[in-house]
Amino acid sequence: MPFVTNQSIKIYYEVEGEGLPIILAHGSAGNTTFWHGYGYVKQLREQFTVVLYDARGHGKSDKPHEVEAYNNHLMVDDVIAIIDELSISRIHYWGYSMGGYTGLGMAKYYPERLSSLIFGGTDLLHQPSDSDEPDVLLQLFQKGVDGGADVVIEGMKALAGSITPQYEQRLRSMDFQAMVACIKNFRFIPSFIDSLSIMEMPCLLYAGDQDTDAYNNAPEAIRRLPDASFVSLPGLNHVSASAATDSIMPHVLSFLTGVET
């Protein structure tokens, strides 16, 4: 299995298809099966070289339990290590939720490596939190450390309304201590608001209209970005929008086709 190492952390990745390269970055609690299970890879690999990877703390990649190991710049450098290993100079980047924040870091630290950016379920106006109150997802994963996967699965069903069998399987294979560290660090992800106006690469945003922050803040994010568009997914929340392959893929393919490389 292919791995790259960034500062002693091994990152698992896969490559499929032929054509211009695109890298897929899943959200928290995801892994490469996110993109395979919902059919994204099958459609993309017909036209693109698809690179997908397990973010640190997830899937087959190393799972440190220290909060500082999930620093945004380190997670960005994981992506750089992969595309350097593959000798890719510029790449389309598609991130869902947590993967979108890694994409924002890519745009800030390595804009020359990006052909375009796609953000799914990502609040581009996110601000670091100074609250001591743990958020709902963090509380749920903390329960999973002691109570196991069944506790997390039932809690996720209550939050999302329902989850797919693929999502349930990902939850069952998870290291919850690593997830707690990853979610805790999310509080400290720096704001990228001031970076939006200098992100000149084409950007596509999408979110379910029940995904509160990502959806409600999208118009202001679009206003700040030099070259961006937004797709609304009616009736979908953060979890269900991640699986809305048939709804979003026509927009994604049209967007990528229109990007000059």
C-alpha atoms as a PDB file:
ATOM      1  CA  MET A   1       0.000   0.000   0.000  1.00  0.00           C
ATOM      2  CA  PRO A   2       1.352   3.472  -0.864  1.00  0.00           C
ATOM      3  CA  PHE A   3       2.277   5.785   2.008  1.00  0.00           C
ATOM      4  CA  VAL A   4       4.199   9.030   2.320  1.00  0.00           C
ATOM      5  CA  THR A   5       5.728  10.335   5.530  1.00  0.00           C
ATOM      6  CA  ASN A   6       5.433  13.897   6.786  1.00  0.00           C
ATOM      7  CA  GLN A   7       7.383  14.620   9.976  1.00  0.00           C
ATOM      8  CA  SER A   8       7.169  10.968  11.104  1.00  0.00           C
ATOM      9  CA  ILE A   9       3.413  10.610  10.341  1.00  0.00           C
ATOM     10  CA  LYS A  10       2.587   8.077   7.617  1.00  0.00           C
ATOM     11  CA  ILE A  11      -0.214   9.090   5.264  1.00  0.00           C
ATOM     12  CA  TYR A  12      -2.024   6.523   3.101  1.00  0.00           C
ATOM     13  CA  TYR A  13      -3.062   7.474  -0.423  1.00  0.00           C
ATOM     14  CA  GLU A  14      -4.483   5.949  -3.616  1.00  0.00           C
ATOM     15  CA  VAL A  15      -4.342   6.895  -7.308  1.00  0.00           C
ATOM     16  CA  GLU A  16      -6.902   5.958  -9.978  1.00  0.00           C
ATOM     17  CA  GLY A  17      -7.678   7.010 -13.547  1.00  0.00           C
ATOM     18  CA  GLU A  18      -5.901   9.157 -16.103  1.00  0.00           C
ATOM     19  CA  GLY A  19      -6.015  12.828 -17.018  1.00  0.00           C
ATOM     20  CA  LEU A  20      -5.543  16.093 -15.154  1.00  0.00           C
ATOM     21  CA  PRO A  21      -4.957  15.440 -11.435  1.00  0.00           C
ATOM     22  CA  ILE A  22      -7.522  16.063  -8.711  1.00  0.00           C
ATOM     23  CA  ILE A  23      -7.071  15.280  -5.024  1.00  0.00           C
ATOM     24  CA  LEU A  24     -10.014  14.373  -2.775  1.00  0.00           C
ATOM     25  CA  ALA A  25      -9.925  15.246   0.941  1.00  0.00           C
ATOM     26  CA  HIS A  26     -12.653  13.744   3.150  1.00  0.00           C
ATOM     27  CA  GLY A  27     -14.213  15.247   6.267  1.00  0.00           C
ATOM     28  CA  SER A  28     -13.767  14.240   9.901  1.00  0.00           C
ATOM     29  CA  ALA A  29     -14.747  10.620  10.570  1.00  0.00           C
ATOM     30  CA  GLY A  30     -14.123   9.844   6.887  1.00  0.00           C
ATOM     31  CA  ASN A  31     -11.470   8.052   4.848  1.00  0.00           C
ATOM     32  CA  THR A  32     -10.926   7.026   1.230  1.00  0.00           C
ATOM     33  CA  THR A  33     -14.048   4.837   1.348  1.00  0.00           C
ATOM     34  CA  PHE A  34     -16.093   8.053   1.588  1.00  0.00           C
ATOM     35  CA  TRP A  35     -15.256   8.888  -2.024  1.00  0.00           C
ATOM     36  CA  HIS A  36     -15.456   5.303  -3.263  1.00  0.00           C
ATOM     37  CA  GLY A  37     -18.665   4.357  -1.469  1.00  0.00           C
ATOM     38  CA  TYR A  38     -20.692   7.273  -2.785  1.00  0.00           C
ATOM     39  CA  GLY A  39     -19.460   6.817  -6.358  1.00  0.00           C
ATOM     40  CA  TYR A  40     -17.334   9.956  -6.710  1.00  0.00           C
ATOM     41  CA  VAL A  41     -14.172   8.132  -7.749  1.00  0.00           C
ATOM     42  CA  LYS A  42     -15.988   6.020 -10.351  1.00  0.00           C
ATOM     43  CA  GLN A  43     -17.218   9.135 -12.143  1.00  0.00           C
ATOM     44  CA  LEU A  44     -14.054  11.204 -11.814  1.00  0.00           C
ATOM     45  CA  ARG A  45     -11.554   8.561 -12.900  1.00  0.00           C
ATOM     46  CA  GLU A  46     -13.051   8.519 -16.397  1.00  0.00           C
ATOM     47  CA  GLN A  47     -11.592  11.993 -17.023  1.00  0.00           C
ATOM     48  CA  PHE A  48      -9.048  12.665 -14.260  1.00  0.00           C
ATOM     49  CA  THR A  49      -6.153  11.186 -12.364  1.00  0.00           C
ATOM     50  CA  VAL A  50      -7.847  10.876  -8.979  1.00  0.00           C
ATOM     51  CA  VAL A  51      -5.663  11.072  -5.877  1.00  0.00           C
ATOM     52  CA  LEU A  52      -7.372  10.335  -2.580  1.00  0.00           C
ATOM     53  CA  TYR A  53      -5.940   9.895   0.873  1.00  0.00           C
ATOM     54  CA  ASP A  54      -6.722   9.180   4.517  1.00  0.00           C
ATOM     55  CA  ALA A  55      -6.124  12.304   6.584  1.00  0.00           C
ATOM     56  CA  ARG A  56      -3.963  11.816   9.652  1.00  0.00           C
ATOM     57  CA  GLY A  57      -6.090  10.290  12.413  1.00  0.00           C
ATOM     58  CA  HIS A  58      -8.264   8.456   9.883  1.00  0.00           C
ATOM     59  CA  GLY A  59      -8.365   5.232   7.886  1.00  0.00           C
ATOM     60  CA  LYS A  60      -4.991   3.601   7.231  1.00  0.00           C
ATOM     61  CA  SER A  61      -2.949   6.712   8.075  1.00  0.00           C
ATOM     62  CA  ASP A  62      -1.186   7.166  11.423  1.00  0.00           C
ATOM     63  CA  LYS A  63      -3.418   8.280  14.292  1.00  0.00           C
ATOM     64  CA  PRO A  64      -1.607  10.494  16.780  1.00  0.00           C
ATOM     65  CA  HIS A  65      -3.494  11.312  20.000  1.00  0.00           C
ATOM     66  CA  GLU A  66      -1.892  14.736  20.551  1.00  0.00           C
ATOM     67  CA  VAL A  67      -4.034  17.765  19.694  1.00  0.00           C
ATOM     68  CA  GLU A  68      -1.081  19.669  18.215  1.00  0.00           C
ATOM     69  CA  ALA A  69      -0.537  16.876  15.657  1.00  0.00           C
ATOM     70  CA  TYR A  70      -3.653  18.109  13.792  1.00  0.00           C
ATOM     71  CA  ASN A  71      -2.385  21.622  13.169  1.00  0.00           C
ATOM     72  CA  ASN A  72      -3.784  22.918   9.875  1.00  0.00           C
ATOM     73  CA  HIS A  73      -0.346  23.566   8.382  1.00  0.00           C
ATOM     74  CA  LEU A  74       0.759  19.993   9.165  1.00  0.00           C
ATOM     75  CA  MET A  75      -2.361  18.607   7.463  1.00  0.00           C
ATOM     76  CA  VAL A  76      -1.673  20.815   4.448  1.00  0.00           C
ATOM     77  CA  ASP A  77       1.896  19.539   4.327  1.00  0.00           C
ATOM     78  CA  ASP A  78       0.530  15.976   4.248  1.00  0.00           C
ATOM     79  CA  VAL A  79      -1.121  16.868   0.934  1.00  0.00           C
ATOM     80  CA  ILE A  80       2.050  18.493  -0.362  1.00  0.00           C
ATOM     81  CA  ALA A  81       4.018  15.352   0.554  1.00  0.00           C
ATOM     82  CA  ILE A  82       1.617  13.234  -1.518  1.00  0.00           C
ATOM     83  CA  ILE A  83       1.649  15.384  -4.640  1.00  0.00           C
ATOM     84  CA  ASP A  84       5.420  15.814  -4.392  1.00  0.00           C
ATOM     85  CA  GLU A  85       5.761  12.031  -4.241  1.00  0.00           C
ATOM     86  CA  LEU A  86       3.655  11.822  -7.416  1.00  0.00           C
ATOM     87  CA  SER A  87       5.606  14.655  -9.117  1.00  0.00           C
ATOM     88  CA  ILE A  88       2.421  16.729  -9.509  1.00  0.00           C
ATOM     89  CA  SER A  89       3.109  20.454  -9.766  1.00  0.00           C
ATOM     90  CA  ARG A  90      -0.523  21.714  -9.816  1.00  0.00           C
ATOM     91  CA  ILE A  91      -3.722  19.951  -8.887  1.00  0.00           C
ATOM     92  CA  HIS A  92      -7.476  20.448  -8.567  1.00  0.00           C
ATOM     93  CA  TYR A  93      -8.455  20.132  -4.902  1.00  0.00           C
ATOM     94  CA  TRP A  94     -11.843  18.918  -3.586  1.00  0.00           C
ATOM     95  CA  GLY A  95     -12.401  18.908   0.157  1.00  0.00           C
ATOM     96  CA  TYR A  96     -15.506  18.103   2.149  1.00  0.00           C
ATOM     97  CA  SER A  97     -15.975  19.702   5.585  1.00  0.00           C
ATOM     98  CA  MET A  98     -12.638  19.218   7.398  1.00  0.00           C
ATOM     99  CA  GLY A  99     -11.040  18.560   4.016  1.00  0.00           C
ATOM    100  CA  GLY A 100     -12.183  22.011   2.941  1.00  0.00           C
ATOM    101  CA  TYR A 101     -10.209  23.666   5.747  1.00  0.00           C
ATOM    102  CA  THR A 102      -7.112  21.845   4.563  1.00  0.00           C
ATOM    103  CA  GLY A 103      -7.916  23.283   1.131  1.00  0.00           C
ATOM    104  CA  LEU A 104      -8.048  26.794   2.605  1.00  0.00           C
ATOM    105  CA  GLY A 105      -4.613  26.149   4.082  1.00  0.00           C
ATOM    106  CA  MET A 106      -3.384  24.996   0.679  1.00  0.00           C
ATOM    107  CA  ALA A 107      -4.624  28.254  -0.852  1.00  0.00           C
ATOM    108  CA  LYS A 108      -2.887  30.293   1.845  1.00  0.00           C
ATOM    109  CA  TYR A 109       0.462  28.504   2.006  1.00  0.00           C
ATOM    110  CA  TYR A 110       0.834  26.917  -1.463  1.00  0.00           C
ATOM    111  CA  PRO A 111      -1.466  28.739  -3.940  1.00  0.00           C
ATOM    112  CA  GLU A 112       0.909  27.956  -6.799  1.00  0.00           C
ATOM    113  CA  ARG A 113       0.123  24.241  -6.404  1.00  0.00           C
ATOM    114  CA  LEU A 114      -3.629  24.671  -7.022  1.00  0.00           C
ATOM    115  CA  SER A 115      -5.537  24.693 -10.300  1.00  0.00           C
ATOM    116  CA  SER A 116      -8.905  25.086  -8.554  1.00  0.00           C
ATOM    117  CA  LEU A 117     -10.697  24.503  -5.249  1.00  0.00           C
ATOM    118  CA  ILE A 118     -13.996  22.772  -4.479  1.00  0.00           C
ATOM    119  CA  PHE A 119     -15.451  23.178  -0.992  1.00  0.00           C
ATOM    120  CA  GLY A 120     -18.311  20.963   0.202  1.00  0.00           C
ATOM    121  CA  GLY A 121     -19.987  21.679   3.546  1.00  0.00           C
ATOM    122  CA  THR A 122     -17.214  24.084   4.576  1.00  0.00           C
ATOM    123  CA  ASP A 123     -17.790  27.392   6.360  1.00  0.00           C
ATOM    124  CA  LEU A 124     -15.176  29.632   4.773  1.00  0.00           C
ATOM    125  CA  LEU A 125     -15.917  32.324   7.389  1.00  0.00           C
ATOM    126  CA  HIS A 126     -15.023  29.997  10.281  1.00  0.00           C
ATOM    127  CA  GLN A 127     -13.469  31.705  13.315  1.00  0.00           C
ATOM    128  CA  PRO A 128     -11.396  30.062  16.072  1.00  0.00           C
ATOM    129  CA  SER A 129     -13.436  29.428  19.223  1.00  0.00           C
ATOM    130  CA  ASP A 130     -12.462  30.677  22.691  1.00  0.00           C
ATOM    131  CA  SER A 131     -15.292  28.777  24.366  1.00  0.00           C
ATOM    132  CA  ASP A 132     -14.543  26.074  26.939  1.00  0.00           C
ATOM    133  CA  GLU A 133     -17.809  24.313  26.099  1.00  0.00           C
ATOM    134  CA  PRO A 134     -17.176  21.209  23.926  1.00  0.00           C
ATOM    135  CA  ASP A 135     -19.215  21.050  20.739  1.00  0.00           C
ATOM    136  CA  VAL A 136     -21.691  18.256  20.051  1.00  0.00           C
ATOM    137  CA  LEU A 137     -19.372  16.226  17.817  1.00  0.00           C
ATOM    138  CA  LEU A 138     -16.515  16.429  20.316  1.00  0.00           C
ATOM    139  CA  GLN A 139     -18.807  15.294  23.136  1.00  0.00           C
ATOM    140  CA  LEU A 140     -19.953  12.378  21.005  1.00  0.00           C
ATOM    141  CA  PHE A 141     -16.438  11.191  20.177  1.00  0.00           C
ATOM    142  CA  GLN A 142     -15.416  11.552  23.816  1.00  0.00           C
ATOM    143  CA  LYS A 143     -18.253   9.186  24.713  1.00  0.00           C
ATOM    144  CA  GLY A 144     -16.902   6.816  22.064  1.00  0.00           C
ATOM    145  CA  VAL A 145     -13.513   6.632  23.812  1.00  0.00           C
ATOM    146  CA  ASP A 146     -15.168   4.838  26.749  1.00  0.00           C
ATOM    147  CA  GLY A 147     -18.411   3.533  25.269  1.00  0.00           C
ATOM    148  CA  GLY A 148     -17.260   2.319  21.852  1.00  0.00           C
ATOM    149  CA  ALA A 149     -18.651   2.623  18.350  1.00  0.00           C
ATOM    150  CA  ASP A 150     -22.288   1.766  19.130  1.00  0.00           C
ATOM    151  CA  VAL A 151     -22.602   4.857  21.332  1.00  0.00           C
ATOM    152  CA  VAL A 152     -21.204   7.059  18.566  1.00  0.00           C
ATOM    153  CA  ILE A 153     -23.363   5.478  15.860  1.00  0.00           C
ATOM    154  CA  GLU A 154     -26.572   6.037  17.818  1.00  0.00           C
ATOM    155  CA  GLY A 155     -25.539   9.595  18.600  1.00  0.00           C
ATOM    156  CA  MET A 156     -24.715  10.309  14.969  1.00  0.00           C
ATOM    157  CA  LYS A 157     -28.080   8.937  13.873  1.00  0.00           C
ATOM    158  CA  ALA A 158     -29.768  11.291  16.327  1.00  0.00           C
ATOM    159  CA  LEU A 159     -27.773  14.258  14.999  1.00  0.00           C
ATOM    160  CA  ALA A 160     -28.086  13.531  11.288  1.00  0.00           C
ATOM    161  CA  GLY A 161     -31.490  11.834  11.137  1.00  0.00           C
ATOM    162  CA  SER A 162     -29.949   8.797   9.450  1.00  0.00           C
ATOM    163  CA  ILE A 163     -26.560   7.583   8.255  1.00  0.00           C
ATOM    164  CA  THR A 164     -25.554   5.315   5.405  1.00  0.00           C
ATOM    165  CA  PRO A 165     -24.144   1.810   5.974  1.00  0.00           C
ATOM    166  CA  GLN A 166     -20.813   3.099   4.620  1.00  0.00           C
ATOM    167  CA  TYR A 167     -20.739   5.849   7.228  1.00  0.00           C
ATOM    168  CA  GLU A 168     -21.592   3.401   9.996  1.00  0.00           C
ATOM    169  CA  GLN A 169     -18.722   1.155   8.926  1.00  0.00           C
ATOM    170  CA  ARG A 170     -16.302   4.086   9.029  1.00  0.00           C
ATOM    171  CA  LEU A 171     -17.441   4.895  12.565  1.00  0.00           C
ATOM    172  CA  ARG A 172     -16.878   1.293  13.654  1.00  0.00           C
ATOM    173  CA  SER A 173     -13.276   1.332  12.421  1.00  0.00           C
ATOM    174  CA  MET A 174     -12.386   4.614  14.096  1.00  0.00           C
ATOM    175  CA  ASP A 175      -9.755   5.499  16.724  1.00  0.00           C
ATOM    176  CA  PHE A 176     -11.873   7.766  18.926  1.00  0.00           C
ATOM    177  CA  GLN A 177      -8.944   9.172  20.892  1.00  0.00           C
ATOM    178  CA  ALA A 178      -7.419  10.384  17.638  1.00  0.00           C
ATOM    179  CA  MET A 179     -10.770  11.857  16.619  1.00  0.00           C
ATOM    180  CA  VAL A 180     -11.080  13.736  19.909  1.00  0.00           C
ATOM    181  CA  ALA A 181      -7.636  15.265  19.344  1.00  0.00           C
ATOM    182  CA  CYS A 182      -8.519  16.162  15.749  1.00  0.00           C
ATOM    183  CA  ILE A 183     -11.826  17.822  16.700  1.00  0.00           C
ATOM    184  CA  LYS A 184     -10.229  19.693  19.616  1.00  0.00           C
ATOM    185  CA  ASN A 185      -7.670  21.197  17.258  1.00  0.00           C
ATOM    186  CA  PHE A 186     -10.468  22.370  14.969  1.00  0.00           C
ATOM    187  CA  ARG A 187     -11.144  25.116  17.533  1.00  0.00           C
ATOM    188  CA  PHE A 188      -7.710  26.532  16.792  1.00  0.00           C
ATOM    189  CA  ILE A 189      -7.852  26.494  12.998  1.00  0.00           C
ATOM    190  CA  PRO A 190      -7.023  30.111  12.121  1.00  0.00           C
ATOM    191  CA  SER A 191      -9.530  32.274  10.334  1.00  0.00           C
ATOM    192  CA  PHE A 192      -8.996  32.385   6.585  1.00  0.00           C
ATOM    193  CA  ILE A 193     -11.368  35.316   6.048  1.00  0.00           C
ATOM    194  CA  ASP A 194      -8.553  37.740   5.181  1.00  0.00           C
ATOM    195  CA  SER A 195      -7.138  35.239   2.676  1.00  0.00           C
ATOM    196  CA  LEU A 196     -10.319  34.895   0.616  1.00  0.00           C
ATOM    197  CA  SER A 197      -9.810  38.070  -1.408  1.00  0.00           C
ATOM    198  CA  ILE A 198      -6.411  36.879  -2.686  1.00  0.00           C
ATOM    199  CA  MET A 199      -7.552  33.348  -3.611  1.00  0.00           C
ATOM    200  CA  GLU A 200      -7.518  33.908  -7.373  1.00  0.00           C
ATOM    201  CA  MET A 201      -7.949  30.264  -8.393  1.00  0.00           C
ATOM    202  CA  PRO A 202     -11.502  29.254  -9.491  1.00  0.00           C
ATOM    203  CA  CYS A 203     -13.586  28.045  -6.541  1.00  0.00           C
ATOM    204  CA  LEU A 204     -16.831  26.083  -6.300  1.00  0.00           C
ATOM    205  CA  LEU A 205     -18.772  25.908  -3.024  1.00  0.00           C
ATOM    206  CA  TYR A 206     -21.733  23.682  -2.209  1.00  0.00           C
ATOM    207  CA  ALA A 207     -23.748  22.872   0.896  1.00  0.00           C
ATOM    208  CA  GLY A 208     -27.117  21.526   1.959  1.00  0.00           C
ATOM    209  CA  ASP A 209     -29.557  24.245   2.948  1.00  0.00           C
ATOM    210  CA  GLN A 210     -29.842  22.622   6.402  1.00  0.00           C
ATOM    211  CA  ASP A 211     -26.064  22.810   6.950  1.00  0.00           C
ATOM    212  CA  THR A 212     -26.368  26.041   8.914  1.00  0.00           C
ATOM    213  CA  ASP A 213     -22.970  27.766   8.935  1.00  0.00           C
ATOM    214  CA  ALA A 214     -21.656  26.493   5.600  1.00  0.00           C
ATOM    215  CA  TYR A 215     -24.915  27.432   3.860  1.00  0.00           C
ATOM    216  CA  ASN A 216     -25.686  30.746   5.573  1.00  0.00           C
ATOM    217  CA  ASN A 217     -22.152  32.105   5.208  1.00  0.00           C
ATOM    218  CA  ALA A 218     -21.716  31.050   1.578  1.00  0.00           C
ATOM    219  CA  PRO A 219     -23.050  34.312   0.032  1.00  0.00           C
ATOM    220  CA  GLU A 220     -20.526  36.416   1.966  1.00  0.00           C
ATOM    221  CA  ALA A 221     -17.726  33.978   1.100  1.00  0.00           C
ATOM    222  CA  ILE A 222     -18.674  34.217  -2.592  1.00  0.00           C
ATOM    223  CA  ARG A 223     -18.638  38.007  -2.361  1.00  0.00           C
ATOM    224  CA  ARG A 224     -15.096  37.961  -0.977  1.00  0.00           C
ATOM    225  CA  LEU A 225     -13.654  35.384  -3.388  1.00  0.00           C
ATOM    226  CA  PRO A 226     -12.465  36.731  -6.780  1.00  0.00           C
ATOM    227  CA  ASP A 227     -13.736  33.766  -8.843  1.00  0.00           C
ATOM    228  CA  ALA A 228     -16.333  31.601  -7.134  1.00  0.00           C
ATOM    229  CA  SER A 229     -19.799  30.117  -7.454  1.00  0.00           C
ATOM    230  CA  PHE A 230     -22.155  28.329  -5.061  1.00  0.00           C
ATOM    231  CA  VAL A 231     -24.526  25.365  -5.429  1.00  0.00           C
ATOM    232  CA  SER A 232     -27.351  24.893  -2.917  1.00  0.00           C
ATOM    233  CA  LEU A 233     -28.597  21.368  -2.161  1.00  0.00           C
ATOM    234  CA  PRO A 234     -32.201  21.712  -0.956  1.00  0.00           C
ATOM    235  CA  GLY A 235     -33.412  19.613   1.954  1.00  0.00           C
ATOM    236  CA  LEU A 236     -29.972  18.259   2.872  1.00  0.00           C
ATOM    237  CA  ASN A 237     -27.913  18.607   6.045  1.00  0.00           C
ATOM    238  CA  HIS A 238     -24.167  18.272   6.558  1.00  0.00           C
ATOM    239  CA  VAL A 239     -24.200  14.470   6.520  1.00  0.00           C
ATOM    240  CA  SER A 240     -26.749  13.872   3.767  1.00  0.00           C
ATOM    241  CA  ALA A 241     -25.139  16.456   1.452  1.00  0.00           C
ATOM    242  CA  SER A 242     -21.872  14.525   1.621  1.00  0.00           C
ATOM    243  CA  ALA A 243     -23.598  11.569  -0.040  1.00  0.00           C
ATOM    244  CA  ALA A 244     -25.495  13.593  -2.674  1.00  0.00           C
ATOM    245  CA  THR A 245     -23.336  12.371  -5.551  1.00  0.00           C
ATOM    246  CA  ASP A 246     -25.962  12.586  -8.280  1.00  0.00           C
ATOM    247  CA  SER A 247     -26.897  16.134  -7.254  1.00  0.00           C
ATOM    248  CA  ILE A 248     -23.423  17.628  -7.089  1.00  0.00           C
ATOM    249  CA  MET A 249     -21.393  15.736  -9.707  1.00  0.00           C
ATOM    250  CA  PRO A 250     -22.882  17.501 -12.774  1.00  0.00           C
ATOM    251  CA  HIS A 251     -21.919  20.845 -11.215  1.00  0.00           C
ATOM    252  CA  VAL A 252     -18.435  19.605 -10.317  1.00  0.00           C
ATOM    253  CA  LEU A 253     -17.733  18.193 -13.784  1.00  0.00           C
ATOM    254  CA  SER A 254     -18.990  21.354 -15.457  1.00  0.00           C
ATOM    255  CA  PHE A 255     -16.837  23.469 -13.142  1.00  0.00           C
ATOM    256  CA  LEU A 256     -13.684  21.422 -13.706  1.00  0.00           C
ATOM    257  CA  THR A 257     -14.194  21.410 -17.473  1.00  0.00           C
ATOM    258  CA  GLY A 258     -14.316  25.207 -17.427  1.00  0.00           C
ATOM    259  CA  VAL A 259     -11.076  25.683 -15.490  1.00  0.00           C
ATOM    260  CA  GLU A 260      -8.117  26.744 -17.610  1.00  0.00           C
ATOM    261  CA  THR A 261      -5.028  24.738 -16.674  1.00  0.00           C
END
